[in-house]
C-alpha atoms as a PDB file:
ATOM      1  CA  MET A   1      79.223-152.829 -91.690  1.00  0.00           C
ATOM      2  CA  HIS A   2      78.816-149.783 -93.870  1.00  0.00           C
ATOM      3  CA  PHE A   3      79.292-150.466 -97.577  1.00  0.00           C
ATOM      4  CA  LEU A   4      81.153-147.209 -98.152  1.00  0.00           C
ATOM      5  CA  SER A   5      83.869-148.267 -95.724  1.00  0.00           C
ATOM      6  CA  ASP A   6      84.204-151.707 -97.377  1.00  0.00           C
ATOM      7  CA  PRO A   7      83.157-151.564-101.052  1.00  0.00           C
ATOM      8  CA  GLU A   8      84.365-155.136-101.616  1.00  0.00           C
ATOM      9  CA  HIS A   9      81.602-156.272 -99.250  1.00  0.00           C
ATOM     10  CA  LEU A  10      78.951-155.037-101.682  1.00  0.00           C
ATOM     11  CA  GLN A  11      80.557-156.957-104.563  1.00  0.00           C
ATOM     12  CA  ARG A  12      80.820-160.089-102.373  1.00  0.00           C
ATOM     13  CA  ASP A  13      77.109-159.822-101.543  1.00  0.00           C
ATOM     14  CA  LEU A  14      76.302-159.480-105.236  1.00  0.00           C
ATOM     15  CA  ASN A  15      78.426-162.562-105.983  1.00  0.00           C
ATOM     16  CA  THR A  16      76.670-164.521-103.206  1.00  0.00           C
ATOM     17  CA  LEU A  17      73.248-163.523-104.519  1.00  0.00           C
ATOM     18  CA  HIS A  18      74.289-164.592-108.014  1.00  0.00           C
ATOM     19  CA  SER A  19      75.494-168.003-106.741  1.00  0.00           C
ATOM     20  CA  TRP A  20      72.265-168.542-104.814  1.00  0.00           C
ATOM     21  CA  THR A  21      70.079-167.769-107.836  1.00  0.00           C
ATOM     22  CA  GLU A  22      72.165-170.081-110.028  1.00  0.00           C
ATOM     23  CA  SER A  23      71.698-172.924-107.520  1.00  0.00           C
ATOM     24  CA  CYS A  24      67.923-172.345-107.743  1.00  0.00           C
ATOM     25  CA  LEU A  25      68.157-172.452-111.566  1.00  0.00           C
ATOM     26  CA  PHE A  26      67.421-168.735-111.910  1.00  0.00           C
ATOM     27  CA  HIS A  27      69.691-166.544-113.966  1.00  0.00           C
ATOM     28  CA  PHE A  28      70.543-162.867-113.747  1.00  0.00           C
ATOM     29  CA  ARG A  29      70.415-161.113-117.076  1.00  0.00           C
ATOM     30  CA  PRO A  30      73.273-158.587-116.983  1.00  0.00           C
ATOM     31  CA  GLY A  31      71.553-156.351-119.535  1.00  0.00           C
ATOM     32  CA  LYS A  32      68.597-155.948-117.187  1.00  0.00           C
ATOM     33  CA  CYS A  33      70.576-155.358-113.987  1.00  0.00           C
ATOM     34  CA  LYS A  34      71.338-151.791-112.928  1.00  0.00           C
ATOM     35  CA  LYS A  35      72.795-149.966-109.964  1.00  0.00           C
ATOM     36  CA  MET A  36      70.957-147.113-108.233  1.00  0.00           C
ATOM     37  CA  HIS A  37      72.657-145.032-105.567  1.00  0.00           C
ATOM     38  CA  ILE A  38      70.316-143.603-102.904  1.00  0.00           C
ATOM     39  CA  GLU A  39      72.683-141.431-100.867  1.00  0.00           C
ATOM     40  CA  PRO A  40      73.773-137.823-101.416  1.00  0.00           C
ATOM     41  CA  THR A  41      77.171-138.810-102.821  1.00  0.00           C
ATOM     42  CA  ASP A  42      78.044-141.847-104.885  1.00  0.00           C
ATOM     43  CA  THR A  43      81.326-143.347-103.748  1.00  0.00           C
ATOM     44  CA  THR A  44      80.485-146.983-104.466  1.00  0.00           C
ATOM     45  CA  PRO A  45      82.754-148.845-106.845  1.00  0.00           C
ATOM     46  CA  LYS A  46      81.857-150.094-110.284  1.00  0.00           C
ATOM     47  CA  LEU A  47      79.966-153.364-109.860  1.00  0.00           C
ATOM     48  CA  SER A  48      79.612-156.363-112.130  1.00  0.00           C
ATOM     49  CA  LEU A  49      77.859-159.713-112.067  1.00  0.00           C
ATOM     50  CA  PRO A  50      79.960-162.867-111.904  1.00  0.00           C
ATOM     51  CA  ASN A  51      80.580-164.444-115.324  1.00  0.00           C
ATOM     52  CA  SER A  52      79.962-161.067-116.954  1.00  0.00           C
ATOM     53  CA  THR A  53      82.542-158.715-118.367  1.00  0.00           C
ATOM     54  CA  SER A  54      80.242-155.702-118.276  1.00  0.00           C
ATOM     55  CA  ILE A  55      79.934-153.180-115.463  1.00  0.00           C
ATOM     56  CA  LEU A  56      76.402-152.619-114.150  1.00  0.00           C
ATOM     57  CA  ASP A  57      74.793-149.529-115.667  1.00  0.00           C
ATOM     58  CA  GLU A  58      73.836-146.775-113.263  1.00  0.00           C
ATOM     59  CA  THR A  59      70.342-145.312-113.205  1.00  0.00           C
ATOM     60  CA  ASN A  60      68.528-142.497-111.405  1.00  0.00           C
ATOM     61  CA  ILE A  61      65.038-143.902-111.928  1.00  0.00           C
ATOM     62  CA  GLU A  62      63.722-147.395-112.504  1.00  0.00           C
ATOM     63  CA  LYS A  63      60.281-148.903-113.006  1.00  0.00           C
ATOM     64  CA  ASP A  64      59.703-152.141-111.101  1.00  0.00           C
ATOM     65  CA  LEU A  65      56.369-153.899-110.678  1.00  0.00           C
ATOM     66  CA  GLY A  66      54.680-150.827-112.183  1.00  0.00           C
ATOM     67  CA  ILE A  67      56.161-148.352-109.698  1.00  0.00           C
ATOM     68  CA  MET A  68      58.678-145.692-110.706  1.00  0.00           C
ATOM     69  CA  ILE A  69      61.385-145.403-108.019  1.00  0.00           C
ATOM     70  CA  ASP A  70      64.024-142.688-108.176  1.00  0.00           C
ATOM     71  CA  ASN A  71      67.295-142.222-106.342  1.00  0.00           C
ATOM     72  CA  GLU A  72      65.760-139.575-104.054  1.00  0.00           C
ATOM     73  CA  LEU A  73      62.927-141.935-103.035  1.00  0.00           C
ATOM     74  CA  ALA A  74      60.444-139.280-104.151  1.00  0.00           C
ATOM     75  CA  PHE A  75      57.456-140.389-106.147  1.00  0.00           C
ATOM     76  CA  ARG A  76      57.003-137.235-108.271  1.00  0.00           C
ATOM     77  CA  GLN A  77      57.893-139.025-111.500  1.00  0.00           C
ATOM     78  CA  HIS A  78      55.662-141.985-110.616  1.00  0.00           C
ATOM     79  CA  VAL A  79      52.717-139.657-109.904  1.00  0.00           C
ATOM     80  CA  HIS A  80      53.384-137.799-113.171  1.00  0.00           C
ATOM     81  CA  TYR A  81      53.612-141.132-115.033  1.00  0.00           C
ATOM     82  CA  ARG A  82      50.299-142.343-113.544  1.00  0.00           C
ATOM     83  CA  GLN A  83      48.510-139.056-114.310  1.00  0.00           C
ATOM     84  CA  ASN A  84      49.353-139.268-118.012  1.00  0.00           C
END
Protein backbone atom coordinates (compact mmCIF):
# COMPACT_ATOMS: atom_id res chain seq x y z
CA MET A 1 0.00 0.00 0.00
CA HIS A 2 1.32 3.41 -0.91
CA PHE A 3 1.03 5.97 1.88
CA LEU A 4 0.06 8.76 -0.50
CA SER A 5 -3.04 6.85 -1.57
CA ASP A 6 -4.04 6.15 2.06
CA PRO A 7 -2.66 8.85 4.40
CA GLU A 8 -4.64 7.42 7.33
CA HIS A 9 -2.45 4.31 7.08
CA LEU A 10 0.62 6.34 8.01
CA GLN A 11 -1.13 7.77 11.08
CA ARG A 12 -2.34 4.27 12.07
CA ASP A 13 1.24 2.98 11.83
CA LEU A 14 2.43 5.86 14.00
CA ASN A 15 -0.29 5.06 16.55
CA THR A 16 0.69 1.36 16.54
CA LEU A 17 4.35 2.22 17.05
CA HIS A 18 3.40 4.51 19.93
CA SER A 19 1.30 1.76 21.58
CA TRP A 20 4.12 -0.76 21.21
CA THR A 21 6.69 1.56 22.81
CA GLU A 22 4.31 2.33 25.69
CA SER A 23 3.86 -1.40 26.35
CA CYS A 24 7.66 -1.71 26.54
CA LEU A 25 7.75 1.23 29.00
CA PHE A 26 9.39 3.55 26.47
CA HIS A 27 7.90 6.94 25.78
CA PHE A 28 7.94 9.15 22.71
CA ARG A 29 8.79 12.74 23.48
CA PRO A 30 6.62 14.80 21.11
CA GLY A 31 9.05 17.72 21.23
CA LYS A 32 11.79 15.50 19.83
CA CYS A 33 9.74 13.82 17.11
CA LYS A 34 9.76 15.29 13.61
CA LYS A 35 8.53 14.41 10.15
CA MET A 36 10.84 14.37 7.12
CA HIS A 37 9.46 13.93 3.62
CA ILE A 38 11.83 12.21 1.16
CA GLU A 39 9.88 12.45 -2.09
CA PRO A 40 9.74 15.26 -4.66
CA THR A 41 6.34 16.50 -3.47
CA ASP A 42 4.95 16.48 0.04
CA THR A 43 1.32 15.43 0.04
CA THR A 44 1.32 13.63 3.39
CA PRO A 45 -1.10 14.85 6.01
CA LYS A 46 -0.23 16.57 9.25
CA LEU A 47 0.77 13.88 11.74
CA SER A 48 0.60 13.77 15.51
CA LEU A 49 1.48 11.34 18.27
CA PRO A 50 -1.32 9.79 20.31
CA ASN A 51 -2.00 11.63 23.58
CA SER A 52 -0.44 14.76 22.10
CA THR A 53 -2.25 17.82 20.85
CA SER A 54 0.69 19.04 18.79
CA ILE A 55 1.35 18.31 15.13
CA LEU A 56 4.78 16.85 14.34
CA ASP A 57 7.21 19.51 13.14
CA GLU A 58 8.58 19.09 9.64
CA THR A 59 12.31 19.15 8.95
CA ASN A 60 14.58 19.04 5.90
CA ILE A 61 17.66 17.84 7.77
CA GLU A 62 18.14 15.91 10.98
CA LYS A 63 21.15 14.65 12.91
CA ASP A 64 20.76 11.12 14.27
CA LEU A 65 23.53 9.01 15.79
CA GLY A 66 26.03 11.64 14.61
CA ILE A 67 24.97 11.52 10.95
CA MET A 68 23.27 14.43 9.21
CA ILE A 69 20.48 13.12 6.94
CA ASP A 70 18.60 15.44 4.61
CA ASN A 71 15.38 15.02 2.67
CA GLU A 72 17.30 14.50 -0.59
CA LEU A 73 19.38 11.68 0.95
CA ALA A 74 22.52 13.58 -0.06
CA PHE A 75 25.32 13.81 2.45
CA ARG A 76 26.70 17.23 1.42
CA GLN A 77 25.70 18.85 4.71
CA HIS A 78 27.07 15.91 6.72
CA VAL A 79 30.41 16.10 4.88
CA HIS A 80 30.50 19.88 5.42
CA TYR A 81 29.65 19.38 9.11
CA ARG A 82 32.43 16.78 9.54
CA GLN A 83 35.01 18.94 7.74
CA ASN A 84 34.48 21.86 10.12
